[in-house]
Full PDB file with SEQRES, HELIX, SHEET, SSBOND, CRYST1, ORIGX, SCALE, CONECT and MASTER records, all heavy atoms in Angstrom:
SEQRES   1 A   32  GLY PHE LYS ASP ASP GLU VAL LYS ASP VAL LYS SER THR          
SEQRES   2 A   32  TYR VAL THR ALA TYR PHE TYR ARG LEU GLU THR ASN ALA          
SEQRES   3 A   32  ALA GLN ALA ALA ALA LEU                                      
HELIX    1 AA1 ASP A    4  TYR A   20  1                                  17    
HELIX    2 AA2 ASN A   25  ALA A   31  1                                   7    
CRYST1    1.000    1.000    1.000  90.00  90.00  90.00 P 1           1          
ORIGX1      1.000000  0.000000  0.000000        0.00000                         
ORIGX2      0.000000  1.000000  0.000000        0.00000                         
ORIGX3      0.000000  0.000000  1.000000        0.00000                         
SCALE1      1.000000  0.000000  0.000000        0.00000                         
SCALE2      0.000000  1.000000  0.000000        0.00000                         
SCALE3      0.000000  0.000000  1.000000        0.00000                         
ATOM      1  N   GLY A   1     100.408  97.237  58.293  1.00  0.00           N  
ATOM      2  CA  GLY A   1     100.068  95.828  58.155  1.00  0.00           C  
ATOM      3  C   GLY A   1     100.267  95.294  56.750  1.00  0.00           C  
ATOM      4  O   GLY A   1     100.807  95.959  55.861  1.00  0.00           O  
ATOM      5  N   PHE A   2      99.828  94.051  56.552  1.00  0.00           N  
ATOM      6  CA  PHE A   2      99.935  93.390  55.257  1.00  0.00           C  
ATOM      7  C   PHE A   2      98.655  93.600  54.450  1.00  0.00           C  
ATOM      8  O   PHE A   2      97.606  93.970  54.994  1.00  0.00           O  
ATOM      9  CB  PHE A   2     100.202  91.901  55.450  1.00  0.00           C  
ATOM     10  CG  PHE A   2     101.470  91.617  56.202  1.00  0.00           C  
ATOM     11  CD1 PHE A   2     101.443  91.073  57.482  1.00  0.00           C  
ATOM     12  CD2 PHE A   2     102.703  91.900  55.638  1.00  0.00           C  
ATOM     13  CE1 PHE A   2     102.607  90.817  58.180  1.00  0.00           C  
ATOM     14  CE2 PHE A   2     103.884  91.646  56.326  1.00  0.00           C  
ATOM     15  CZ  PHE A   2     103.833  91.103  57.599  1.00  0.00           C  
ATOM     16  N   LYS A   3      98.742  93.347  53.163  1.00  0.00           N  
ATOM     17  CA  LYS A   3      97.600  93.552  52.277  1.00  0.00           C  
ATOM     18  C   LYS A   3      96.880  92.228  52.011  1.00  0.00           C  
ATOM     19  O   LYS A   3      97.466  91.159  52.100  1.00  0.00           O  
ATOM     20  CB  LYS A   3      98.074  94.163  50.956  1.00  0.00           C  
ATOM     21  CG  LYS A   3      98.719  95.533  51.115  1.00  0.00           C  
ATOM     22  CD  LYS A   3      99.197  96.052  49.777  1.00  0.00           C  
ATOM     23  CE  LYS A   3      99.868  97.422  49.941  1.00  0.00           C  
ATOM     24  NZ  LYS A   3     100.377  97.944  48.649  1.00  0.00           N  
ATOM     25  N   ASP A   4      95.613  92.350  51.643  1.00  0.00           N  
ATOM     26  CA  ASP A   4      94.802  91.160  51.386  1.00  0.00           C  
ATOM     27  C   ASP A   4      95.418  90.271  50.308  1.00  0.00           C  
ATOM     28  O   ASP A   4      95.472  89.051  50.441  1.00  0.00           O  
ATOM     29  CB  ASP A   4      93.385  91.567  50.956  1.00  0.00           C  
ATOM     30  CG  ASP A   4      92.587  92.171  52.103  1.00  0.00           C  
ATOM     31  OD1 ASP A   4      92.613  91.590  53.204  1.00  0.00           O  
ATOM     32  OD2 ASP A   4      91.956  93.223  51.902  1.00  0.00           O  
ATOM     33  N   ASP A   5      95.864  90.900  49.214  1.00  0.00           N  
ATOM     34  CA  ASP A   5      96.399  90.085  48.120  1.00  0.00           C  
ATOM     35  C   ASP A   5      97.723  89.431  48.516  1.00  0.00           C  
ATOM     36  O   ASP A   5      98.032  88.316  48.065  1.00  0.00           O  
ATOM     37  CB  ASP A   5      96.574  90.918  46.845  1.00  0.00           C  
ATOM     38  CG  ASP A   5      97.490  92.116  47.021  1.00  0.00           C  
ATOM     39  OD1 ASP A   5      97.769  92.491  48.179  1.00  0.00           O  
ATOM     40  OD2 ASP A   5      97.927  92.683  45.995  1.00  0.00           O  
ATOM     41  N   GLU A   6      98.515  90.078  49.381  1.00  0.00           N  
ATOM     42  CA  GLU A   6      99.752  89.473  49.855  1.00  0.00           C  
ATOM     43  C   GLU A   6      99.457  88.205  50.666  1.00  0.00           C  
ATOM     44  O   GLU A   6     100.117  87.173  50.503  1.00  0.00           O  
ATOM     45  CB  GLU A   6     100.531  90.453  50.729  1.00  0.00           C  
ATOM     46  CG  GLU A   6     101.165  91.605  49.997  1.00  0.00           C  
ATOM     47  CD  GLU A   6     101.885  92.555  50.937  1.00  0.00           C  
ATOM     48  OE1 GLU A   6     101.269  92.962  51.946  1.00  0.00           O  
ATOM     49  OE2 GLU A   6     103.055  92.896  50.675  1.00  0.00           O  
ATOM     50  N   VAL A   7      98.471  88.289  51.537  1.00  0.00           N  
ATOM     51  CA  VAL A   7      98.116  87.147  52.379  1.00  0.00           C  
ATOM     52  C   VAL A   7      97.570  86.006  51.527  1.00  0.00           C  
ATOM     53  O   VAL A   7      97.927  84.845  51.721  1.00  0.00           O  
ATOM     54  CB  VAL A   7      97.097  87.568  53.455  1.00  0.00           C  
ATOM     55  CG1 VAL A   7      96.627  86.358  54.262  1.00  0.00           C  
ATOM     56  CG2 VAL A   7      97.697  88.620  54.367  1.00  0.00           C  
ATOM     57  N   LYS A   8      96.713  86.331  50.583  1.00  0.00           N  
ATOM     58  CA  LYS A   8      96.155  85.309  49.696  1.00  0.00           C  
ATOM     59  C   LYS A   8      97.251  84.614  48.902  1.00  0.00           C  
ATOM     60  O   LYS A   8      97.281  83.379  48.811  1.00  0.00           O  
ATOM     61  CB  LYS A   8      95.146  85.953  48.740  1.00  0.00           C  
ATOM     62  CG  LYS A   8      94.509  84.958  47.777  1.00  0.00           C  
ATOM     63  CD  LYS A   8      93.536  85.667  46.837  1.00  0.00           C  
ATOM     64  CE  LYS A   8      92.938  84.677  45.831  1.00  0.00           C  
ATOM     65  NZ  LYS A   8      91.980  85.360  44.909  1.00  0.00           N  
ATOM     66  N   ASP A   9      98.172  85.391  48.350  1.00  0.00           N  
ATOM     67  CA  ASP A   9      99.245  84.821  47.529  1.00  0.00           C  
ATOM     68  C   ASP A   9     100.199  83.967  48.351  1.00  0.00           C  
ATOM     69  O   ASP A   9     100.617  82.895  47.919  1.00  0.00           O  
ATOM     70  CB  ASP A   9     100.023  85.937  46.828  1.00  0.00           C  
ATOM     71  CG  ASP A   9      99.216  86.611  45.725  1.00  0.00           C  
ATOM     72  OD1 ASP A   9      98.184  86.044  45.321  1.00  0.00           O  
ATOM     73  OD2 ASP A   9      99.620  87.710  45.284  1.00  0.00           O  
ATOM     74  N   VAL A  10     100.553  84.427  49.560  1.00  0.00           N  
ATOM     75  CA  VAL A  10     101.538  83.688  50.339  1.00  0.00           C  
ATOM     76  C   VAL A  10     100.967  82.365  50.828  1.00  0.00           C  
ATOM     77  O   VAL A  10     101.683  81.371  50.946  1.00  0.00           O  
ATOM     78  CB  VAL A  10     102.062  84.535  51.520  1.00  0.00           C  
ATOM     79  CG1 VAL A  10     101.062  84.589  52.673  1.00  0.00           C  
ATOM     80  CG2 VAL A  10     103.395  83.991  52.014  1.00  0.00           C  
ATOM     81  N   LYS A  11      99.685  82.311  51.112  1.00  0.00           N  
ATOM     82  CA  LYS A  11      99.064  81.042  51.490  1.00  0.00           C  
ATOM     83  C   LYS A  11      99.220  80.026  50.376  1.00  0.00           C  
ATOM     84  O   LYS A  11      99.602  78.871  50.602  1.00  0.00           O  
ATOM     85  CB  LYS A  11      97.572  81.245  51.797  1.00  0.00           C  
ATOM     86  CG  LYS A  11      97.254  81.895  53.118  1.00  0.00           C  
ATOM     87  CD  LYS A  11      95.740  81.914  53.295  1.00  0.00           C  
ATOM     88  CE  LYS A  11      95.327  82.587  54.578  1.00  0.00           C  
ATOM     89  NZ  LYS A  11      93.850  82.559  54.746  1.00  0.00           N  
ATOM     90  N   SER A  12      98.905  80.445  49.169  1.00  0.00           N  
ATOM     91  CA  SER A  12      98.964  79.540  48.022  1.00  0.00           C  
ATOM     92  C   SER A  12     100.385  79.100  47.718  1.00  0.00           C  
ATOM     93  O   SER A  12     100.659  77.907  47.549  1.00  0.00           O  
ATOM     94  CB  SER A  12      98.356  80.224  46.793  1.00  0.00           C  
ATOM     95  OG  SER A  12      98.489  79.413  45.647  1.00  0.00           O  
ATOM     96  N   THR A  13     101.312  80.063  47.665  1.00  0.00           N  
ATOM     97  CA  THR A  13     102.687  79.714  47.296  1.00  0.00           C  
ATOM     98  C   THR A  13     103.372  78.884  48.366  1.00  0.00           C  
ATOM     99  O   THR A  13     104.155  77.980  48.056  1.00  0.00           O  
ATOM    100  CB  THR A  13     103.512  80.980  47.025  1.00  0.00           C  
ATOM    101  OG1 THR A  13     103.480  81.835  48.179  1.00  0.00           O  
ATOM    102  CG2 THR A  13     102.965  81.739  45.827  1.00  0.00           C  
ATOM    103  N   TYR A  14     103.069  79.166  49.645  1.00  0.00           N  
ATOM    104  CA  TYR A  14     103.709  78.404  50.716  1.00  0.00           C  
ATOM    105  C   TYR A  14     103.279  76.947  50.685  1.00  0.00           C  
ATOM    106  O   TYR A  14     104.121  76.035  50.733  1.00  0.00           O  
ATOM    107  CB  TYR A  14     103.381  79.001  52.082  1.00  0.00           C  
ATOM    108  CG  TYR A  14     103.923  78.147  53.213  1.00  0.00           C  
ATOM    109  CD1 TYR A  14     105.259  78.229  53.574  1.00  0.00           C  
ATOM    110  CD2 TYR A  14     103.111  77.236  53.884  1.00  0.00           C  
ATOM    111  CE1 TYR A  14     105.776  77.432  54.580  1.00  0.00           C  
ATOM    112  CE2 TYR A  14     103.626  76.427  54.897  1.00  0.00           C  
ATOM    113  CZ  TYR A  14     104.954  76.532  55.240  1.00  0.00           C  
ATOM    114  OH  TYR A  14     105.475  75.735  56.222  1.00  0.00           O  
ATOM    115  N   VAL A  15     101.990  76.705  50.619  1.00  0.00           N  
ATOM    116  CA  VAL A  15     101.499  75.327  50.648  1.00  0.00           C  
ATOM    117  C   VAL A  15     101.942  74.566  49.412  1.00  0.00           C  
ATOM    118  O   VAL A  15     102.347  73.396  49.488  1.00  0.00           O  
ATOM    119  CB  VAL A  15      99.961  75.312  50.784  1.00  0.00           C  
ATOM    120  CG1 VAL A  15      99.426  73.889  50.643  1.00  0.00           C  
ATOM    121  CG2 VAL A  15      99.550  75.890  52.132  1.00  0.00           C  
ATOM    122  N   THR A  16     101.896  75.213  48.252  1.00  0.00           N  
ATOM    123  CA  THR A  16     102.346  74.548  47.022  1.00  0.00           C  
ATOM    124  C   THR A  16     103.811  74.156  47.121  1.00  0.00           C  
ATOM    125  O   THR A  16     104.189  73.022  46.802  1.00  0.00           O  
ATOM    126  CB  THR A  16     102.134  75.467  45.805  1.00  0.00           C  
ATOM    127  OG1 THR A  16     100.748  75.785  45.685  1.00  0.00           O  
ATOM    128  CG2 THR A  16     102.605  74.787  44.532  1.00  0.00           C  
ATOM    129  N   ALA A  17     104.654  75.085  47.581  1.00  0.00           N  
ATOM    130  CA  ALA A  17     106.082  74.805  47.711  1.00  0.00           C  
ATOM    131  C   ALA A  17     106.335  73.731  48.758  1.00  0.00           C  
ATOM    132  O   ALA A  17     107.198  72.857  48.582  1.00  0.00           O  
ATOM    133  CB  ALA A  17     106.845  76.079  48.070  1.00  0.00           C  
ATOM    134  N   TYR A  18     105.574  73.769  49.848  1.00  0.00           N  
ATOM    135  CA  TYR A  18     105.751  72.800  50.933  1.00  0.00           C  
ATOM    136  C   TYR A  18     105.522  71.377  50.429  1.00  0.00           C  
ATOM    137  O   TYR A  18     106.346  70.486  50.640  1.00  0.00           O  
ATOM    138  CB  TYR A  18     104.784  73.122  52.065  1.00  0.00           C  
ATOM    139  CG  TYR A  18     104.824  72.135  53.216  1.00  0.00           C  
ATOM    140  CD1 TYR A  18     105.775  72.265  54.213  1.00  0.00           C  
ATOM    141  CD2 TYR A  18     103.917  71.089  53.297  1.00  0.00           C  
ATOM    142  CE1 TYR A  18     105.832  71.370  55.277  1.00  0.00           C  
ATOM    143  CE2 TYR A  18     103.957  70.188  54.351  1.00  0.00           C  
ATOM    144  CZ  TYR A  18     104.922  70.333  55.337  1.00  0.00           C  
ATOM    145  OH  TYR A  18     104.964  69.432  56.367  1.00  0.00           O  
ATOM    146  N   PHE A  19     104.412  71.165  49.740  1.00  0.00           N  
ATOM    147  CA  PHE A  19     104.122  69.814  49.290  1.00  0.00           C  
ATOM    148  C   PHE A  19     104.953  69.415  48.075  1.00  0.00           C  
ATOM    149  O   PHE A  19     105.222  68.237  47.863  1.00  0.00           O  
ATOM    150  CB  PHE A  19     102.623  69.666  49.018  1.00  0.00           C  
ATOM    151  CG  PHE A  19     101.810  69.586  50.275  1.00  0.00           C  
ATOM    152  CD1 PHE A  19     101.023  70.635  50.687  1.00  0.00           C  
ATOM    153  CD2 PHE A  19     101.866  68.458  51.078  1.00  0.00           C  
ATOM    154  CE1 PHE A  19     100.285  70.563  51.863  1.00  0.00           C  
ATOM    155  CE2 PHE A  19     101.148  68.374  52.252  1.00  0.00           C  
ATOM    156  CZ  PHE A  19     100.350  69.428  52.651  1.00  0.00           C  
ATOM    157  N   TYR A  20     105.381  70.390  47.302  1.00  0.00           N  
ATOM    158  CA  TYR A  20     106.281  70.077  46.191  1.00  0.00           C  
ATOM    159  C   TYR A  20     107.591  69.496  46.716  1.00  0.00           C  
ATOM    160  O   TYR A  20     108.165  68.591  46.118  1.00  0.00           O  
ATOM    161  CB  TYR A  20     106.552  71.346  45.378  1.00  0.00           C  
ATOM    162  CG  TYR A  20     107.481  71.130  44.205  1.00  0.00           C  
ATOM    163  CD1 TYR A  20     107.018  70.569  43.021  1.00  0.00           C  
ATOM    164  CD2 TYR A  20     108.822  71.497  44.275  1.00  0.00           C  
ATOM    165  CE1 TYR A  20     107.862  70.359  41.939  1.00  0.00           C  
ATOM    166  CE2 TYR A  20     109.680  71.299  43.208  1.00  0.00           C  
ATOM    167  CZ  TYR A  20     109.187  70.734  42.042  1.00  0.00           C  
ATOM    168  OH  TYR A  20     110.042  70.516  40.984  1.00  0.00           O  
ATOM    169  N   ARG A  21     108.040  70.001  47.855  1.00  0.00           N  
ATOM    170  CA  ARG A  21     109.285  69.500  48.441  1.00  0.00           C  
ATOM    171  C   ARG A  21     109.138  68.082  48.997  1.00  0.00           C  
ATOM    172  O   ARG A  21     110.137  67.430  49.286  1.00  0.00           O  
ATOM    173  CB  ARG A  21     109.756  70.432  49.568  1.00  0.00           C  
ATOM    174  CG  ARG A  21     110.217  71.786  49.099  1.00  0.00           C  
ATOM    175  CD  ARG A  21     110.979  72.514  50.207  1.00  0.00           C  
ATOM    176  NE  ARG A  21     110.156  72.736  51.383  1.00  0.00           N  
ATOM    177  CZ  ARG A  21     109.409  73.816  51.580  1.00  0.00           C  
ATOM    178  NH1 ARG A  21     109.370  74.762  50.657  1.00  0.00           N  
ATOM    179  NH2 ARG A  21     108.704  73.951  52.685  1.00  0.00           N  
ATOM    180  N   LEU A  22     107.911  67.611  49.143  1.00  0.00           N  
ATOM    181  CA  LEU A  22     107.685  66.289  49.730  1.00  0.00           C  
ATOM    182  C   LEU A  22     107.529  65.202  48.682  1.00  0.00           C  
ATOM    183  O   LEU A  22     106.863  64.194  48.918  1.00  0.00           O  
ATOM    184  CB  LEU A  22     106.439  66.322  50.624  1.00  0.00           C  
ATOM    185  CG  LEU A  22     106.492  67.256  51.824  1.00  0.00           C  
ATOM    186  CD1 LEU A  22     105.261  67.070  52.695  1.00  0.00           C  
ATOM    187  CD2 LEU A  22     107.744  67.016  52.655  1.00  0.00           C  
ATOM    188  N   GLU A  23     108.139  65.381  47.528  1.00  0.00           N  
ATOM    189  CA  GLU A  23     108.004  64.386  46.470  1.00  0.00           C  
ATOM    190  C   GLU A  23     108.717  63.081  46.812  1.00  0.00           C  
ATOM    191  O   GLU A  23     108.328  62.017  46.345  1.00  0.00           O  
ATOM    192  CB  GLU A  23     108.551  64.941  45.145  1.00  0.00           C  
ATOM    193  CG  GLU A  23     107.638  65.962  44.499  1.00  0.00           C  
ATOM    194  CD  GLU A  23     108.100  66.329  43.104  1.00  0.00           C  
ATOM    195  OE1 GLU A  23     109.317  66.204  42.846  1.00  0.00           O  
ATOM    196  OE2 GLU A  23     107.273  66.732  42.283  1.00  0.00           O  
ATOM    197  N   THR A  24     109.760  63.129  47.605  1.00  0.00           N  
ATOM    198  CA  THR A  24     110.515  61.922  47.927  1.00  0.00           C  
ATOM    199  C   THR A  24     110.112  61.381  49.297  1.00  0.00           C  
ATOM    200  O   THR A  24     109.668  62.119  50.175  1.00  0.00           O  
ATOM    201  CB  THR A  24     112.031  62.191  47.932  1.00  0.00           C  
ATOM    202  OG1 THR A  24     112.349  63.072  49.022  1.00  0.00           O  
ATOM    203  CG2 THR A  24     112.480  62.821  46.620  1.00  0.00           C  
ATOM    204  N   ASN A  25     110.298  60.079  49.477  1.00  0.00           N  
ATOM    205  CA  ASN A  25     110.020  59.467  50.776  1.00  0.00           C  
ATOM    206  C   ASN A  25     110.913  60.051  51.868  1.00  0.00           C  
ATOM    207  O   ASN A  25     110.493  60.214  53.011  1.00  0.00           O  
ATOM    208  CB  ASN A  25     110.232  57.950  50.698  1.00  0.00           C  
ATOM    209  CG  ASN A  25     109.200  57.250  49.834  1.00  0.00           C  
ATOM    210  OD1 ASN A  25     108.576  57.877  48.984  1.00  0.00           O  
ATOM    211  ND2 ASN A  25     109.019  55.959  50.039  1.00  0.00           N  
ATOM    212  N   ALA A  26     112.156  60.353  51.505  1.00  0.00           N  
ATOM    213  CA  ALA A  26     113.090  60.917  52.485  1.00  0.00           C  
ATOM    214  C   ALA A  26     112.608  62.272  52.982  1.00  0.00           C  
ATOM    215  O   ALA A  26     112.693  62.581  54.177  1.00  0.00           O  
ATOM    216  CB  ALA A  26     114.486  61.034  51.880  1.00  0.00           C  
ATOM    217  N   ALA A  27     112.096  63.107  52.078  1.00  0.00           N  
ATOM    218  CA  ALA A  27     111.596  64.421  52.471  1.00  0.00           C  
ATOM    219  C   ALA A  27     110.356  64.295  53.346  1.00  0.00           C  
ATOM    220  O   ALA A  27     110.171  65.049  54.298  1.00  0.00           O  
ATOM    221  CB  ALA A  27     111.280  65.249  51.224  1.00  0.00           C  
ATOM    222  N   GLN A  28     109.512  63.321  53.041  1.00  0.00           N  
ATOM    223  CA  GLN A  28     108.315  63.100  53.859  1.00  0.00           C  
ATOM    224  C   GLN A  28     108.718  62.651  55.268  1.00  0.00           C  
ATOM    225  O   GLN A  28     108.143  63.105  56.267  1.00  0.00           O  
ATOM    226  CB  GLN A  28     107.425  62.059  53.209  1.00  0.00           C  
ATOM    227  CG  GLN A  28     106.803  62.520  51.903  1.00  0.00           C  
ATOM    228  CD  GLN A  28     106.281  61.375  51.076  1.00  0.00           C  
ATOM    229  OE1 GLN A  28     105.767  60.391  51.607  1.00  0.00           O  
ATOM    230  NE2 GLN A  28     106.405  61.475  49.762  1.00  0.00           N  
ATOM    231  N   ALA A  29     109.707  61.766  55.358  1.00  0.00           N  
ATOM    232  CA  ALA A  29     110.180  61.309  56.669  1.00  0.00           C  
ATOM    233  C   ALA A  29     110.729  62.478  57.479  1.00  0.00           C  
ATOM    234  O   ALA A  29     110.465  62.596  58.683  1.00  0.00           O  
ATOM    235  CB  ALA A  29     111.237  60.223  56.496  1.00  0.00           C  
ATOM    236  N   ALA A  30     111.494  63.336  56.830  1.00  0.00           N  
ATOM    237  CA  ALA A  30     112.070  64.491  57.520  1.00  0.00           C  
ATOM    238  C   ALA A  30     110.977  65.433  58.013  1.00  0.00           C  
ATOM    239  O   ALA A  30     111.067  65.975  59.120  1.00  0.00           O  
ATOM    240  CB  ALA A  30     113.027  65.235  56.592  1.00  0.00           C  
ATOM    241  N   ALA A  31     109.928  65.637  57.212  1.00  0.00           N  
ATOM    242  CA  ALA A  31     108.830  66.513  57.616  1.00  0.00           C  
ATOM    243  C   ALA A  31     108.077  65.933  58.808  1.00  0.00           C  
ATOM    244  O   ALA A  31     107.727  66.655  59.747  1.00  0.00           O  
ATOM    245  CB  ALA A  31     107.871  66.727  56.440  1.00  0.00           C  
ATOM    246  N   LEU A  32     107.821  64.641  58.788  1.00  0.00           N  
ATOM    247  CA  LEU A  32     107.140  63.994  59.914  1.00  0.00           C  
ATOM    248  C   LEU A  32     107.985  64.098  61.180  1.00  0.00           C  
ATOM    249  O   LEU A  32     107.472  64.389  62.264  1.00  0.00           O  
ATOM    250  CB  LEU A  32     106.863  62.527  59.577  1.00  0.00           C  
ATOM    251  CG  LEU A  32     105.829  62.280  58.468  1.00  0.00           C  
ATOM    252  CD1 LEU A  32     105.891  60.827  58.001  1.00  0.00           C  
ATOM    253  CD2 LEU A  32     104.426  62.625  58.938  1.00  0.00           C  
TER     254      LEU A  32                                                      
MASTER        0    0    0    2    0    0    0    6  253    1    0    3          
END                                                                             
């Protein structure tokens, strides 16, 4: 299985990267 620290880190990095990509209106429209 996966490790606790791997799960903790991937949650943080995924969400941060996800919302970072939504800086433009076009990216927000595509996500919706």
